[in-house]
Amino acid sequence: MAEGIATIRAEIGAAVWKIAAPPGTAVAADDPVVILESMKMEIPVLAPHAGTVDSVLVEEGQQVEEGQPVATIRR
């Protein structure tokens, strides 16, 4: 991992319902970056710290596995 860049990972296997913060978006700690959907429940994937979303590694509708990288964030 490059210095100052953190990888955000899915905490559960689910479908990507919505990209809440596209690349270039400034976020605060605990802001949703991606929202997953599983069993009709929305599960937000949160920014671990304040920064700018560097990249989103998934697309809406894509299935992800637990622990799969979904985005990166730069301090």
C-alpha atoms as a PDB file:
ATOM      1  CA  MET A   1       0.000   0.000   0.000  1.00  0.00           C
ATOM      2  CA  ALA A   2       1.321   3.418  -0.947  1.00  0.00           C
ATOM      3  CA  GLU A   3       1.919   5.835   1.894  1.00  0.00           C
ATOM      4  CA  GLY A   4      -1.221   7.794   2.740  1.00  0.00           C
ATOM      5  CA  ILE A   5      -3.546   5.454   0.812  1.00  0.00           C
ATOM      6  CA  ALA A   6      -5.833   3.037   2.653  1.00  0.00           C
ATOM      7  CA  THR A   7      -7.773   0.169   1.104  1.00  0.00           C
ATOM      8  CA  ILE A   8     -11.424  -0.106   2.074  1.00  0.00           C
ATOM      9  CA  ARG A   9     -12.742  -3.690   2.092  1.00  0.00           C
ATOM     10  CA  ALA A  10     -16.187  -5.259   2.090  1.00  0.00           C
ATOM     11  CA  GLU A  11     -17.112  -6.653   5.495  1.00  0.00           C
ATOM     12  CA  ILE A  12     -19.609  -9.125   4.030  1.00  0.00           C
ATOM     13  CA  GLY A  13     -20.291 -10.940   0.791  1.00  0.00           C
ATOM     14  CA  ALA A  14     -23.044  -8.948  -0.954  1.00  0.00           C
ATOM     15  CA  ALA A  15     -24.040  -7.014  -4.062  1.00  0.00           C
ATOM     16  CA  VAL A  16     -22.856  -3.442  -4.613  1.00  0.00           C
ATOM     17  CA  TRP A  17     -26.078  -1.442  -4.429  1.00  0.00           C
ATOM     18  CA  LYS A  18     -24.678   2.094  -4.752  1.00  0.00           C
ATOM     19  CA  ILE A  19     -21.411   3.982  -5.086  1.00  0.00           C
ATOM     20  CA  ALA A  20     -21.945   6.671  -2.443  1.00  0.00           C
ATOM     21  CA  ALA A  21     -18.634   8.509  -2.967  1.00  0.00           C
ATOM     22  CA  PRO A  22     -17.098   8.382  -6.459  1.00  0.00           C
ATOM     23  CA  PRO A  23     -13.373   9.077  -6.989  1.00  0.00           C
ATOM     24  CA  GLY A  24     -12.428  12.634  -6.076  1.00  0.00           C
ATOM     25  CA  THR A  25     -15.075  12.935  -3.353  1.00  0.00           C
ATOM     26  CA  ALA A  26     -13.900  14.354  -0.022  1.00  0.00           C
ATOM     27  CA  VAL A  27     -15.157  12.216   2.877  1.00  0.00           C
ATOM     28  CA  ALA A  28     -15.039  12.387   6.662  1.00  0.00           C
ATOM     29  CA  ALA A  29     -14.262   9.415   8.881  1.00  0.00           C
ATOM     30  CA  ASP A  30     -17.201   7.000   8.880  1.00  0.00           C
ATOM     31  CA  ASP A  31     -18.843   8.479   5.765  1.00  0.00           C
ATOM     32  CA  PRO A  32     -20.265   5.777   3.452  1.00  0.00           C
ATOM     33  CA  VAL A  33     -18.158   5.142   0.357  1.00  0.00           C
ATOM     34  CA  VAL A  34     -20.015   2.119  -1.043  1.00  0.00           C
ATOM     35  CA  ILE A  35     -23.367   0.676  -0.004  1.00  0.00           C
ATOM     36  CA  LEU A  36     -23.825  -3.083  -0.219  1.00  0.00           C
ATOM     37  CA  GLU A  37     -27.127  -4.963  -0.283  1.00  0.00           C
ATOM     38  CA  SER A  38     -27.680  -8.394   1.191  1.00  0.00           C
ATOM     39  CA  MET A  39     -31.019  -9.991   2.018  1.00  0.00           C
ATOM     40  CA  LYS A  40     -32.757  -6.626   1.379  1.00  0.00           C
ATOM     41  CA  MET A  41     -30.567  -4.893   3.970  1.00  0.00           C
ATOM     42  CA  GLU A  42     -28.293  -1.965   3.121  1.00  0.00           C
ATOM     43  CA  ILE A  43     -24.776  -2.286   4.548  1.00  0.00           C
ATOM     44  CA  PRO A  44     -22.618   0.855   4.284  1.00  0.00           C
ATOM     45  CA  VAL A  45     -18.873   0.441   3.772  1.00  0.00           C
ATOM     46  CA  LEU A  46     -17.387   3.395   5.656  1.00  0.00           C
ATOM     47  CA  ALA A  47     -14.283   5.536   5.205  1.00  0.00           C
ATOM     48  CA  PRO A  48     -11.730   4.613   7.897  1.00  0.00           C
ATOM     49  CA  HIS A  49     -10.534   8.236   8.127  1.00  0.00           C
ATOM     50  CA  ALA A  50     -11.061  11.626   6.501  1.00  0.00           C
ATOM     51  CA  GLY A  51      -9.619  12.030   3.032  1.00  0.00           C
ATOM     52  CA  THR A  52     -10.396  11.855  -0.670  1.00  0.00           C
ATOM     53  CA  VAL A  53     -11.670   8.761  -2.432  1.00  0.00           C
ATOM     54  CA  ASP A  54      -8.786   7.788  -4.713  1.00  0.00           C
ATOM     55  CA  SER A  55     -10.462   4.938  -6.613  1.00  0.00           C
ATOM     56  CA  VAL A  56     -13.562   2.774  -6.554  1.00  0.00           C
ATOM     57  CA  LEU A  57     -12.717  -0.828  -7.447  1.00  0.00           C
ATOM     58  CA  VAL A  58     -16.271  -2.149  -7.925  1.00  0.00           C
ATOM     59  CA  GLU A  59     -19.356  -1.340  -9.998  1.00  0.00           C
ATOM     60  CA  GLU A  60     -23.000  -1.113  -9.005  1.00  0.00           C
ATOM     61  CA  GLY A  61     -24.625  -4.537  -9.274  1.00  0.00           C
ATOM     62  CA  GLN A  62     -21.327  -6.402  -8.845  1.00  0.00           C
ATOM     63  CA  GLN A  63     -21.110  -9.240  -6.312  1.00  0.00           C
ATOM     64  CA  VAL A  64     -18.262  -8.876  -3.800  1.00  0.00           C
ATOM     65  CA  GLU A  65     -16.768 -11.302  -1.325  1.00  0.00           C
ATOM     66  CA  GLU A  66     -15.988 -10.628   2.324  1.00  0.00           C
ATOM     67  CA  GLY A  67     -12.625  -8.866   2.534  1.00  0.00           C
ATOM     68  CA  GLN A  68     -12.585  -7.835  -1.140  1.00  0.00           C
ATOM     69  CA  PRO A  69     -11.168  -4.336  -1.756  1.00  0.00           C
ATOM     70  CA  VAL A  70     -13.943  -1.963  -2.872  1.00  0.00           C
ATOM     71  CA  ALA A  71     -12.181   1.423  -2.829  1.00  0.00           C
ATOM     72  CA  THR A  72      -9.044   3.286  -1.833  1.00  0.00           C
ATOM     73  CA  ILE A  73      -8.861   6.558   0.082  1.00  0.00           C
ATOM     74  CA  ARG A  74      -6.027   9.071   0.312  1.00  0.00           C
ATOM     75  CA  ARG A  75      -5.340  11.217   3.385  1.00  0.00           C
END
